Amino acid sequence: MGMPPISPPAHYSVKAFDADCAILDFRAMTYRWGNSLLQVFQDVAQFRDAGCEPGEPPFPVLAVTSERSRAAFLSLVTPTGQPAPDWHFDDIDEAVAHGVRKAREWLDFI
């Protein structure tokens, strides 16, 4: 949790800490519009989900935002008219609790 938002080095951090889940904390970030933020998710997924078996749950990656970044972030990851994804949170404690559950699911499968 003490790491700053990560980009290409994201997969290095996940590997170095042998993480079972990644929670990206964007609460302090001011984010307006653009799409390069999605690269963080793609980097982690490409590294951790490479070689997955069919039906295997993906490596859990969650995001936490605040008023500073929520609207722009959700515009990137949510189709118009759809609810926010189940991996997006406004509360860090809820994200951690959900991350623990998702990590257990992921670990039980691999």
PDB file of N, CA and C in Angstrom:
ATOM      1  N   MET A   1       0.811  -1.184   0.000  1.00  0.00           N
ATOM      2  CA  MET A   1       0.000   0.000   0.000  1.00  0.00           C
ATOM      3  C   MET A   1       0.857   1.251   0.000  1.00  0.00           C
ATOM      4  N   GLY A   2       2.109   1.173   0.404  1.00  0.00           N
ATOM      5  CA  GLY A   2       2.947   2.342   0.477  1.00  0.00           C
ATOM      6  C   GLY A   2       3.551   2.721  -0.859  1.00  0.00           C
ATOM      7  N   MET A   3       3.312   1.933  -1.902  1.00  0.00           N
ATOM      8  CA  MET A   3       3.898   2.226  -3.196  1.00  0.00           C
ATOM      9  C   MET A   3       3.065   3.268  -3.931  1.00  0.00           C
ATOM     10  N   PRO A   4       3.700   4.131  -4.722  1.00  0.00           N
ATOM     11  CA  PRO A   4       2.946   5.102  -5.516  1.00  0.00           C
ATOM     12  C   PRO A   4       2.245   4.395  -6.661  1.00  0.00           C
ATOM     13  N   PRO A   5       1.281   5.072  -7.321  1.00  0.00           N
ATOM     14  CA  PRO A   5       0.686   4.472  -8.511  1.00  0.00           C
ATOM     15  C   PRO A   5       1.791   4.063  -9.470  1.00  0.00           C
ATOM     16  N   ILE A   6       1.628   2.914 -10.091  1.00  0.00           N
ATOM     17  CA  ILE A   6       2.695   2.326 -10.877  1.00  0.00           C
ATOM     18  C   ILE A   6       2.298   2.201 -12.333  1.00  0.00           C
ATOM     19  N   SER A   7       3.277   2.216 -13.203  1.00  0.00           N
ATOM     20  CA  SER A   7       3.031   2.033 -14.616  1.00  0.00           C
ATOM     21  C   SER A   7       3.876   0.883 -15.121  1.00  0.00           C
ATOM     22  N   PRO A   8       4.733   1.035 -16.124  1.00  0.00           N
ATOM     23  CA  PRO A   8       5.470  -0.135 -16.600  1.00  0.00           C
ATOM     24  C   PRO A   8       6.159  -0.939 -15.503  1.00  0.00           C
ATOM     25  N   PRO A   9       6.681  -0.327 -14.439  1.00  0.00           N
ATOM     26  CA  PRO A   9       7.265  -1.148 -13.378  1.00  0.00           C
ATOM     27  C   PRO A   9       6.228  -1.889 -12.536  1.00  0.00           C
ATOM     28  N   ALA A  10       4.947  -1.772 -12.876  1.00  0.00           N
ATOM     29  CA  ALA A  10       3.902  -2.418 -12.080  1.00  0.00           C
ATOM     30  C   ALA A  10       4.160  -3.912 -11.931  1.00  0.00           C
ATOM     31  N   HIS A  11       4.442  -4.562 -13.019  1.00  0.00           N
ATOM     32  CA  HIS A  11       4.638  -6.006 -12.939  1.00  0.00           C
ATOM     33  C   HIS A  11       5.888  -6.355 -12.126  1.00  0.00           C
ATOM     34  N   TYR A  12       6.886  -5.482 -12.112  1.00  0.00           N
ATOM     35  CA  TYR A  12       8.076  -5.733 -11.298  1.00  0.00           C
ATOM     36  C   TYR A  12       7.721  -5.696  -9.818  1.00  0.00           C
ATOM     37  N   SER A  13       6.874  -4.757  -9.432  1.00  0.00           N
ATOM     38  CA  SER A  13       6.456  -4.661  -8.028  1.00  0.00           C
ATOM     39  C   SER A  13       5.649  -5.883  -7.616  1.00  0.00           C
ATOM     40  N   VAL A  14       4.736  -6.306  -8.468  1.00  0.00           N
ATOM     41  CA  VAL A  14       3.926  -7.483  -8.165  1.00  0.00           C
ATOM     42  C   VAL A  14       4.824  -8.702  -7.994  1.00  0.00           C
ATOM     43  N   LYS A  15       5.823  -8.817  -8.851  1.00  0.00           N
ATOM     44  CA  LYS A  15       6.747  -9.953  -8.769  1.00  0.00           C
ATOM     45  C   LYS A  15       7.655  -9.836  -7.544  1.00  0.00           C
ATOM     46  N   ALA A  16       8.209  -8.664  -7.301  1.00  0.00           N
ATOM     47  CA  ALA A  16       9.146  -8.481  -6.185  1.00  0.00           C
ATOM     48  C   ALA A  16       8.501  -8.793  -4.844  1.00  0.00           C
ATOM     49  N   PHE A  17       7.233  -8.430  -4.701  1.00  0.00           N
ATOM     50  CA  PHE A  17       6.537  -8.674  -3.444  1.00  0.00           C
ATOM     51  C   PHE A  17       5.782  -9.994  -3.456  1.00  0.00           C
ATOM     52  N   ASP A  18       5.852 -10.727  -4.563  1.00  0.00           N
ATOM     53  CA  ASP A  18       5.117 -11.977  -4.737  1.00  0.00           C
ATOM     54  C   ASP A  18       3.665 -11.785  -4.312  1.00  0.00           C
ATOM     55  N   ALA A  19       3.066 -10.736  -4.841  1.00  0.00           N
ATOM     56  CA  ALA A  19       1.713 -10.328  -4.446  1.00  0.00           C
ATOM     57  C   ALA A  19       0.663 -11.333  -4.890  1.00  0.00           C
ATOM     58  N   ASP A  20      -0.378 -11.427  -4.094  1.00  0.00           N
ATOM     59  CA  ASP A  20      -1.531 -12.260  -4.408  1.00  0.00           C
ATOM     60  C   ASP A  20      -2.705 -11.410  -4.895  1.00  0.00           C
ATOM     61  N   CYS A  21      -2.523 -10.102  -4.856  1.00  0.00           N
ATOM     62  CA  CYS A  21      -3.533  -9.140  -5.276  1.00  0.00           C
ATOM     63  C   CYS A  21      -2.839  -7.791  -5.405  1.00  0.00           C
ATOM     64  N   ALA A  22      -3.345  -6.933  -6.277  1.00  0.00           N
ATOM     65  CA  ALA A  22      -2.823  -5.567  -6.389  1.00  0.00           C
ATOM     66  C   ALA A  22      -3.973  -4.600  -6.168  1.00  0.00           C
ATOM     67  N   ILE A  23      -3.758  -3.655  -5.274  1.00  0.00           N
ATOM     68  CA  ILE A  23      -4.732  -2.594  -5.045  1.00  0.00           C
ATOM     69  C   ILE A  23      -4.058  -1.291  -5.443  1.00  0.00           C
ATOM     70  N   LEU A  24      -4.575  -0.687  -6.499  1.00  0.00           N
ATOM     71  CA  LEU A  24      -4.015   0.551  -7.016  1.00  0.00           C
ATOM     72  C   LEU A  24      -4.763   1.711  -6.374  1.00  0.00           C
ATOM     73  N   ASP A  25      -4.041   2.502  -5.610  1.00  0.00           N
ATOM     74  CA  ASP A  25      -4.639   3.582  -4.838  1.00  0.00           C
ATOM     75  C   ASP A  25      -4.479   4.900  -5.597  1.00  0.00           C
ATOM     76  N   PHE A  26      -5.560   5.341  -6.228  1.00  0.00           N
ATOM     77  CA  PHE A  26      -5.563   6.562  -7.014  1.00  0.00           C
ATOM     78  C   PHE A  26      -6.243   7.715  -6.276  1.00  0.00           C
ATOM     79  N   ARG A  27      -6.427   7.602  -4.973  1.00  0.00           N
ATOM     80  CA  ARG A  27      -7.167   8.621  -4.231  1.00  0.00           C
ATOM     81  C   ARG A  27      -6.504   9.992  -4.272  1.00  0.00           C
ATOM     82  N   ALA A  28      -5.198  10.067  -4.240  1.00  0.00           N
ATOM     83  CA  ALA A  28      -4.511  11.360  -4.203  1.00  0.00           C
ATOM     84  C   ALA A  28      -4.227  11.908  -5.595  1.00  0.00           C
ATOM     85  N   MET A  29      -4.496  11.133  -6.610  1.00  0.00           N
ATOM     86  CA  MET A  29      -4.185  11.537  -7.971  1.00  0.00           C
ATOM     87  C   MET A  29      -5.306  12.407  -8.541  1.00  0.00           C
ATOM     88  N   THR A  30      -4.934  13.450  -9.211  1.00  0.00           N
ATOM     89  CA  THR A  30      -5.896  14.245  -9.962  1.00  0.00           C
ATOM     90  C   THR A  30      -5.852  13.737 -11.394  1.00  0.00           C
ATOM     91  N   TYR A  31      -6.940  13.177 -11.836  1.00  0.00           N
ATOM     92  CA  TYR A  31      -6.995  12.586 -13.164  1.00  0.00           C
ATOM     93  C   TYR A  31      -8.229  13.126 -13.861  1.00  0.00           C
ATOM     94  N   ARG A  32      -8.048  13.686 -15.022  1.00  0.00           N
ATOM     95  CA  ARG A  32      -9.175  14.270 -15.723  1.00  0.00           C
ATOM     96  C   ARG A  32      -9.611  13.383 -16.896  1.00  0.00           C
ATOM     97  N   TRP A  33      -8.881  13.342 -17.947  1.00  0.00           N
ATOM     98  CA  TRP A  33      -9.276  12.552 -19.109  1.00  0.00           C
ATOM     99  C   TRP A  33      -8.024  12.027 -19.809  1.00  0.00           C
ATOM    100  N   GLY A  34      -8.198  10.981 -20.559  1.00  0.00           N
ATOM    101  CA  GLY A  34      -7.100  10.343 -21.262  1.00  0.00           C
ATOM    102  C   GLY A  34      -7.192   8.848 -21.050  1.00  0.00           C
ATOM    103  N   ASN A  35      -6.395   8.087 -21.731  1.00  0.00           N
ATOM    104  CA  ASN A  35      -6.516   6.640 -21.580  1.00  0.00           C
ATOM    105  C   ASN A  35      -5.223   5.938 -21.211  1.00  0.00           C
ATOM    106  N   SER A  36      -4.143   6.651 -20.995  1.00  0.00           N
ATOM    107  CA  SER A  36      -2.883   5.978 -20.695  1.00  0.00           C
ATOM    108  C   SER A  36      -2.882   5.321 -19.315  1.00  0.00           C
ATOM    109  N   LEU A  37      -3.779   5.688 -18.454  1.00  0.00           N
ATOM    110  CA  LEU A  37      -3.878   5.080 -17.129  1.00  0.00           C
ATOM    111  C   LEU A  37      -4.182   3.582 -17.222  1.00  0.00           C
ATOM    112  N   LEU A  38      -4.893   3.184 -18.243  1.00  0.00           N
ATOM    113  CA  LEU A  38      -5.251   1.771 -18.393  1.00  0.00           C
ATOM    114  C   LEU A  38      -4.028   0.881 -18.580  1.00  0.00           C
ATOM    115  N   GLN A  39      -2.916   1.443 -18.986  1.00  0.00           N
ATOM    116  CA  GLN A  39      -1.693   0.660 -19.190  1.00  0.00           C
ATOM    117  C   GLN A  39      -1.268  -0.051 -17.911  1.00  0.00           C
ATOM    118  N   VAL A  40      -1.517   0.547 -16.763  1.00  0.00           N
ATOM    119  CA  VAL A  40      -1.166  -0.084 -15.488  1.00  0.00           C
ATOM    120  C   VAL A  40      -1.862  -1.426 -15.367  1.00  0.00           C
ATOM    121  N   PHE A  41      -3.153  -1.468 -15.671  1.00  0.00           N
ATOM    122  CA  PHE A  41      -3.919  -2.709 -15.572  1.00  0.00           C
ATOM    123  C   PHE A  41      -3.439  -3.721 -16.598  1.00  0.00           C
ATOM    124  N   GLN A  42      -3.145  -3.254 -17.797  1.00  0.00           N
ATOM    125  CA  GLN A  42      -2.670  -4.149 -18.844  1.00  0.00           C
ATOM    126  C   GLN A  42      -1.314  -4.752 -18.492  1.00  0.00           C
ATOM    127  N   ASP A  43      -0.433  -3.959 -17.908  1.00  0.00           N
ATOM    128  CA  ASP A  43       0.892  -4.457 -17.525  1.00  0.00           C
ATOM    129  C   ASP A  43       0.790  -5.562 -16.480  1.00  0.00           C
ATOM    130  N   VAL A  44      -0.005  -5.324 -15.452  1.00  0.00           N
ATOM    131  CA  VAL A  44      -0.152  -6.320 -14.384  1.00  0.00           C
ATOM    132  C   VAL A  44      -0.819  -7.568 -14.931  1.00  0.00           C
ATOM    133  N   ALA A  45      -1.898  -7.407 -15.682  1.00  0.00           N
ATOM    134  CA  ALA A  45      -2.613  -8.557 -16.221  1.00  0.00           C
ATOM    135  C   ALA A  45      -1.727  -9.371 -17.154  1.00  0.00           C
ATOM    136  N   GLN A  46      -0.971  -8.696 -17.996  1.00  0.00           N
ATOM    137  CA  GLN A  46      -0.106  -9.407 -18.937  1.00  0.00           C
ATOM    138  C   GLN A  46       0.930 -10.245 -18.191  1.00  0.00           C
ATOM    139  N   PHE A  47       1.482  -9.695 -17.123  1.00  0.00           N
ATOM    140  CA  PHE A  47       2.498 -10.404 -16.364  1.00  0.00           C
ATOM    141  C   PHE A  47       1.903 -11.548 -15.545  1.00  0.00           C
ATOM    142  N   ARG A  48       0.847 -11.292 -14.785  1.00  0.00           N
ATOM    143  CA  ARG A  48       0.310 -12.289 -13.865  1.00  0.00           C
ATOM    144  C   ARG A  48      -0.625 -13.285 -14.530  1.00  0.00           C
ATOM    145  N   ASP A  49      -1.305 -12.900 -15.587  1.00  0.00           N
ATOM    146  CA  ASP A  49      -2.280 -13.793 -16.199  1.00  0.00           C
ATOM    147  C   ASP A  49      -1.699 -14.572 -17.377  1.00  0.00           C
ATOM    148  N   ALA A  50      -0.436 -14.335 -17.700  1.00  0.00           N
ATOM    149  CA  ALA A  50       0.189 -15.068 -18.804  1.00  0.00           C
ATOM    150  C   ALA A  50       0.212 -16.550 -18.465  1.00  0.00           C
ATOM    151  N   GLY A  51      -0.246 -17.368 -19.386  1.00  0.00           N
ATOM    152  CA  GLY A  51      -0.224 -18.807 -19.178  1.00  0.00           C
ATOM    153  C   GLY A  51      -1.355 -19.331 -18.313  1.00  0.00           C
ATOM    154  N   CYS A  52      -2.396 -18.554 -18.115  1.00  0.00           N
ATOM    155  CA  CYS A  52      -3.538 -19.013 -17.311  1.00  0.00           C
ATOM    156  C   CYS A  52      -4.260 -20.148 -18.030  1.00  0.00           C
ATOM    157  N   GLU A  53      -4.815 -21.006 -17.235  1.00  0.00           N
ATOM    158  CA  GLU A  53      -5.638 -22.082 -17.763  1.00  0.00           C
ATOM    159  C   GLU A  53      -7.035 -21.537 -18.066  1.00  0.00           C
ATOM    160  N   PRO A  54      -7.750 -22.146 -19.012  1.00  0.00           N
ATOM    161  CA  PRO A  54      -9.138 -21.719 -19.261  1.00  0.00           C
ATOM    162  C   PRO A  54      -9.968 -21.844 -17.981  1.00  0.00           C
ATOM    163  N   GLY A  55     -10.751 -20.833 -17.694  1.00  0.00           N
ATOM    164  CA  GLY A  55     -11.596 -20.850 -16.501  1.00  0.00           C
ATOM    165  C   GLY A  55     -10.903 -20.383 -15.229  1.00  0.00           C
ATOM    166  N   GLU A  56      -9.594 -20.191 -15.310  1.00  0.00           N
ATOM    167  CA  GLU A  56      -8.854 -19.728 -14.136  1.00  0.00           C
ATOM    168  C   GLU A  56      -9.207 -18.273 -13.864  1.00  0.00           C
ATOM    169  N   PRO A  57      -9.440 -17.920 -12.601  1.00  0.00           N
ATOM    170  CA  PRO A  57      -9.740 -16.515 -12.322  1.00  0.00           C
ATOM    171  C   PRO A  57      -8.521 -15.648 -12.600  1.00  0.00           C
ATOM    172  N   PRO A  58      -8.751 -14.423 -13.079  1.00  0.00           N
ATOM    173  CA  PRO A  58      -7.616 -13.534 -13.336  1.00  0.00           C
ATOM    174  C   PRO A  58      -7.000 -13.054 -12.031  1.00  0.00           C
ATOM    175  N   PHE A  59      -5.735 -12.670 -12.096  1.00  0.00           N
ATOM    176  CA  PHE A  59      -5.065 -12.085 -10.944  1.00  0.00           C
ATOM    177  C   PHE A  59      -5.873 -10.865 -10.502  1.00  0.00           C
ATOM    178  N   PRO A  60      -6.212 -10.765  -9.210  1.00  0.00           N
ATOM    179  CA  PRO A  60      -7.053  -9.659  -8.768  1.00  0.00           C
ATOM    180  C   PRO A  60      -6.322  -8.319  -8.742  1.00  0.00           C
ATOM    181  N   VAL A  61      -6.863  -7.373  -9.491  1.00  0.00           N
ATOM    182  CA  VAL A  61      -6.366  -5.997  -9.510  1.00  0.00           C
ATOM    183  C   VAL A  61      -7.560  -5.107  -9.190  1.00  0.00           C
ATOM    184  N   LEU A  62      -7.446  -4.347  -8.110  1.00  0.00           N
ATOM    185  CA  LEU A  62      -8.520  -3.468  -7.663  1.00  0.00           C
ATOM    186  C   LEU A  62      -8.046  -2.026  -7.732  1.00  0.00           C
ATOM    187  N   ALA A  63      -8.997  -1.102  -7.778  1.00  0.00           N
ATOM    188  CA  ALA A  63      -8.663   0.324  -7.824  1.00  0.00           C
ATOM    189  C   ALA A  63      -9.491   1.077  -6.798  1.00  0.00           C
ATOM    190  N   VAL A  64      -8.859   2.061  -6.168  1.00  0.00           N
ATOM    191  CA  VAL A  64      -9.526   2.941  -5.220  1.00  0.00           C
ATOM    192  C   VAL A  64      -9.352   4.366  -5.740  1.00  0.00           C
ATOM    193  N   THR A  65     -10.456   5.106  -5.839  1.00  0.00           N
ATOM    194  CA  THR A  65     -10.394   6.483  -6.307  1.00  0.00           C
ATOM    195  C   THR A  65     -11.044   7.402  -5.282  1.00  0.00           C
ATOM    196  N   SER A  66     -10.969   8.681  -5.559  1.00  0.00           N
ATOM    197  CA  SER A  66     -11.600   9.695  -4.722  1.00  0.00           C
ATOM    198  C   SER A  66     -12.331  10.673  -5.640  1.00  0.00           C
ATOM    199  N   GLU A  67     -12.887  11.698  -5.067  1.00  0.00           N
ATOM    200  CA  GLU A  67     -13.566  12.723  -5.859  1.00  0.00           C
ATOM    201  C   GLU A  67     -12.634  13.322  -6.917  1.00  0.00           C
ATOM    202  N   ARG A  68     -11.346  13.337  -6.632  1.00  0.00           N
ATOM    203  CA  ARG A  68     -10.372  13.944  -7.555  1.00  0.00           C
ATOM    204  C   ARG A  68     -10.233  13.167  -8.865  1.00  0.00           C
ATOM    205  N   SER A  69     -10.490  11.870  -8.829  1.00  0.00           N
ATOM    206  CA  SER A  69     -10.211  11.049 -10.006  1.00  0.00           C
ATOM    207  C   SER A  69     -11.361  10.136 -10.422  1.00  0.00           C
ATOM    208  N   ARG A  70     -12.374   9.994  -9.585  1.00  0.00           N
ATOM    209  CA  ARG A  70     -13.420   8.988  -9.816  1.00  0.00           C
ATOM    210  C   ARG A  70     -14.104   9.111 -11.185  1.00  0.00           C
ATOM    211  N   ALA A  71     -14.633  10.274 -11.508  1.00  0.00           N
ATOM    212  CA  ALA A  71     -15.418  10.418 -12.742  1.00  0.00           C
ATOM    213  C   ALA A  71     -14.598  10.078 -13.984  1.00  0.00           C
ATOM    214  N   ALA A  72     -13.409  10.616 -14.081  1.00  0.00           N
ATOM    215  CA  ALA A  72     -12.578  10.346 -15.251  1.00  0.00           C
ATOM    216  C   ALA A  72     -12.157   8.883 -15.291  1.00  0.00           C
ATOM    217  N   PHE A  73     -11.778   8.339 -14.145  1.00  0.00           N
ATOM    218  CA  PHE A  73     -11.363   6.935 -14.091  1.00  0.00           C
ATOM    219  C   PHE A  73     -12.499   6.024 -14.540  1.00  0.00           C
ATOM    220  N   LEU A  74     -13.683   6.233 -13.964  1.00  0.00           N
ATOM    221  CA  LEU A  74     -14.811   5.366 -14.309  1.00  0.00           C
ATOM    222  C   LEU A  74     -15.219   5.522 -15.773  1.00  0.00           C
ATOM    223  N   SER A  75     -14.995   6.692 -16.353  1.00  0.00           N
ATOM    224  CA  SER A  75     -15.321   6.862 -17.771  1.00  0.00           C
ATOM    225  C   SER A  75     -14.445   5.973 -18.649  1.00  0.00           C
ATOM    226  N   LEU A  76     -13.268   5.634 -18.166  1.00  0.00           N
ATOM    227  CA  LEU A  76     -12.359   4.765 -18.932  1.00  0.00           C
ATOM    228  C   LEU A  76     -12.720   3.289 -18.824  1.00  0.00           C
ATOM    229  N   VAL A  77     -13.248   2.888 -17.681  1.00  0.00           N
ATOM    230  CA  VAL A  77     -13.404   1.456 -17.413  1.00  0.00           C
ATOM    231  C   VAL A  77     -14.849   0.984 -17.385  1.00  0.00           C
ATOM    232  N   THR A  78     -15.799   1.903 -17.558  1.00  0.00           N
ATOM    233  CA  THR A  78     -17.210   1.537 -17.445  1.00  0.00           C
ATOM    234  C   THR A  78     -17.962   1.953 -18.708  1.00  0.00           C
ATOM    235  N   PRO A  79     -18.625   1.016 -19.364  1.00  0.00           N
ATOM    236  CA  PRO A  79     -19.450   1.394 -20.505  1.00  0.00           C
ATOM    237  C   PRO A  79     -20.560   2.359 -20.060  1.00  0.00           C
ATOM    238  N   THR A  80     -20.949   3.243 -20.927  1.00  0.00           N
ATOM    239  CA  THR A  80     -21.988   4.228 -20.624  1.00  0.00           C
ATOM    240  C   THR A  80     -23.254   3.544 -20.122  1.00  0.00           C
ATOM    241  N   GLY A  81     -23.765   4.059 -19.022  1.00  0.00           N
ATOM    242  CA  GLY A  81     -25.011   3.537 -18.460  1.00  0.00           C
ATOM    243  C   GLY A  81     -24.852   2.305 -17.585  1.00  0.00           C
ATOM    244  N   GLN A  82     -23.652   1.814 -17.433  1.00  0.00           N
ATOM    245  CA  GLN A  82     -23.413   0.616 -16.626  1.00  0.00           C
ATOM    246  C   GLN A  82     -22.913   1.009 -15.234  1.00  0.00           C
ATOM    247  N   PRO A  83     -23.130   0.148 -14.239  1.00  0.00           N
ATOM    248  CA  PRO A  83     -22.614   0.452 -12.903  1.00  0.00           C
ATOM    249  C   PRO A  83     -21.089   0.323 -12.866  1.00  0.00           C
ATOM    250  N   ALA A  84     -20.499   0.909 -11.853  1.00  0.00           N
ATOM    251  CA  ALA A  84     -19.041   0.796 -11.667  1.00  0.00           C
ATOM    252  C   ALA A  84     -18.673  -0.678 -11.528  1.00  0.00           C
ATOM    253  N   PRO A  85     -17.489  -1.059 -12.001  1.00  0.00           N
ATOM    254  CA  PRO A  85     -17.064  -2.458 -11.878  1.00  0.00           C
ATOM    255  C   PRO A  85     -16.897  -2.868 -10.417  1.00  0.00           C
ATOM    256  N   ASP A  86     -17.011  -4.159 -10.164  1.00  0.00           N
ATOM    257  CA  ASP A  86     -16.927  -4.653  -8.779  1.00  0.00           C
ATOM    258  C   ASP A  86     -15.518  -4.561  -8.205  1.00  0.00           C
ATOM    259  N   TRP A  87     -14.549  -4.179  -9.010  1.00  0.00           N
ATOM    260  CA  TRP A  87     -13.174  -4.033  -8.524  1.00  0.00           C
ATOM    261  C   TRP A  87     -12.802  -2.568  -8.292  1.00  0.00           C
ATOM    262  N   HIS A  88     -13.776  -1.692  -8.357  1.00  0.00           N
ATOM    263  CA  HIS A  88     -13.560  -0.262  -8.078  1.00  0.00           C
ATOM    264  C   HIS A  88     -14.158   0.078  -6.714  1.00  0.00           C
ATOM    265  N   PHE A  89     -13.408   0.862  -5.931  1.00  0.00           N
ATOM    266  CA  PHE A  89     -13.842   1.223  -4.587  1.00  0.00           C
ATOM    267  C   PHE A  89     -13.572   2.690  -4.299  1.00  0.00           C
ATOM    268  N   ASP A  90     -14.377   3.226  -3.396  1.00  0.00           N
ATOM    269  CA  ASP A  90     -14.155   4.569  -2.858  1.00  0.00           C
ATOM    270  C   ASP A  90     -13.492   4.491  -1.491  1.00  0.00           C
ATOM    271  N   ASP A  91     -13.575   3.342  -0.860  1.00  0.00           N
ATOM    272  CA  ASP A  91     -13.076   3.157   0.502  1.00  0.00           C
ATOM    273  C   ASP A  91     -11.936   2.136   0.496  1.00  0.00           C
ATOM    274  N   ILE A  92     -10.787   2.527   1.008  1.00  0.00           N
ATOM    275  CA  ILE A  92      -9.607   1.651   0.983  1.00  0.00           C
ATOM    276  C   ILE A  92      -9.821   0.394   1.826  1.00  0.00           C
ATOM    277  N   ASP A  93     -10.507   0.517   2.954  1.00  0.00           N
ATOM    278  CA  ASP A  93     -10.738  -0.658   3.800  1.00  0.00           C
ATOM    279  C   ASP A  93     -11.622  -1.692   3.100  1.00  0.00           C
ATOM    280  N   GLU A  94     -12.640  -1.208   2.390  1.00  0.00           N
ATOM    281  CA  GLU A  94     -13.478  -2.127   1.621  1.00  0.00           C
ATOM    282  C   GLU A  94     -12.670  -2.786   0.502  1.00  0.00           C
ATOM    283  N   ALA A  95     -11.792  -2.029  -0.127  1.00  0.00           N
ATOM    284  CA  ALA A  95     -10.949  -2.584  -1.186  1.00  0.00           C
ATOM    285  C   ALA A  95     -10.035  -3.672  -0.642  1.00  0.00           C
ATOM    286  N   VAL A  96      -9.443  -3.439   0.511  1.00  0.00           N
ATOM    287  CA  VAL A  96      -8.551  -4.438   1.115  1.00  0.00           C
ATOM    288  C   VAL A  96      -9.331  -5.700   1.463  1.00  0.00           C
ATOM    289  N   ALA A  97     -10.505  -5.556   2.064  1.00  0.00           N
ATOM    290  CA  ALA A  97     -11.314  -6.727   2.426  1.00  0.00           C
ATOM    291  C   ALA A  97     -11.701  -7.516   1.168  1.00  0.00           C
ATOM    292  N   HIS A  98     -12.112  -6.812   0.117  1.00  0.00           N
ATOM    293  CA  HIS A  98     -12.466  -7.471  -1.141  1.00  0.00           C
ATOM    294  C   HIS A  98     -11.222  -8.122  -1.769  1.00  0.00           C
ATOM    295  N   GLY A  99     -10.095  -7.422  -1.696  1.00  0.00           N
ATOM    296  CA  GLY A  99      -8.849  -7.959  -2.233  1.00  0.00           C
ATOM    297  C   GLY A  99      -8.427  -9.250  -1.554  1.00  0.00           C
ATOM    298  N   VAL A 100      -8.613  -9.326  -0.247  1.00  0.00           N
ATOM    299  CA  VAL A 100      -8.286 -10.555   0.487  1.00  0.00           C
ATOM    300  C   VAL A 100      -9.153 -11.706  -0.014  1.00  0.00           C
ATOM    301  N   ARG A 101     -10.444 -11.459  -0.196  1.00  0.00           N
ATOM    302  CA  ARG A 101     -11.340 -12.510  -0.702  1.00  0.00           C
ATOM    303  C   ARG A 101     -10.941 -12.945  -2.110  1.00  0.00           C
ATOM    304  N   LYS A 102     -10.673 -11.963  -2.982  1.00  0.00           N
ATOM    305  CA  LYS A 102     -10.310 -12.301  -4.357  1.00  0.00           C
ATOM    306  C   LYS A 102      -8.963 -13.015  -4.433  1.00  0.00           C
ATOM    307  N   ALA A 103      -8.031 -12.615  -3.582  1.00  0.00           N
ATOM    308  CA  ALA A 103      -6.722 -13.287  -3.549  1.00  0.00           C
ATOM    309  C   ALA A 103      -6.885 -14.739  -3.137  1.00  0.00           C
ATOM    310  N   ARG A 104      -7.738 -14.987  -2.162  1.00  0.00           N
ATOM    311  CA  ARG A 104      -7.976 -16.383  -1.738  1.00  0.00           C
ATOM    312  C   ARG A 104      -8.569 -17.206  -2.874  1.00  0.00           C
ATOM    313  N   GLU A 105      -9.529 -16.621  -3.593  1.00  0.00           N
ATOM    314  CA  GLU A 105     -10.108 -17.323  -4.746  1.00  0.00           C
ATOM    315  C   GLU A 105      -9.033 -17.637  -5.775  1.00  0.00           C
ATOM    316  N   TRP A 106      -8.195 -16.650  -6.049  1.00  0.00           N
ATOM    317  CA  TRP A 106      -7.139 -16.823  -7.035  1.00  0.00           C
ATOM    318  C   TRP A 106      -6.147 -17.885  -6.584  1.00  0.00           C
ATOM    319  N   LEU A 107      -5.741 -17.826  -5.316  1.00  0.00           N
ATOM    320  CA  LEU A 107      -4.784 -18.783  -4.785  1.00  0.00           C
ATOM    321  C   LEU A 107      -5.350 -20.194  -4.731  1.00  0.00           C
ATOM    322  N   ASP A 108      -6.643 -20.328  -4.447  1.00  0.00           N
ATOM    323  CA  ASP A 108      -7.259 -21.637  -4.403  1.00  0.00           C
ATOM    324  C   ASP A 108      -7.282 -22.309  -5.772  1.00  0.00           C
ATOM    325  N   PHE A 109      -7.243 -21.515  -6.817  1.00  0.00           N
ATOM    326  CA  PHE A 109      -7.315 -22.069  -8.160  1.00  0.00           C
ATOM    327  C   PHE A 109      -5.935 -22.436  -8.702  1.00  0.00           C
ATOM    328  N   ILE A 110      -4.917 -21.626  -8.358  1.00  0.00           N
ATOM    329  CA  ILE A 110      -3.610 -21.881  -8.965  1.00  0.00           C
ATOM    330  C   ILE A 110      -2.841 -22.977  -8.272  1.00  0.00           C
TER     331      ILE A 110
END
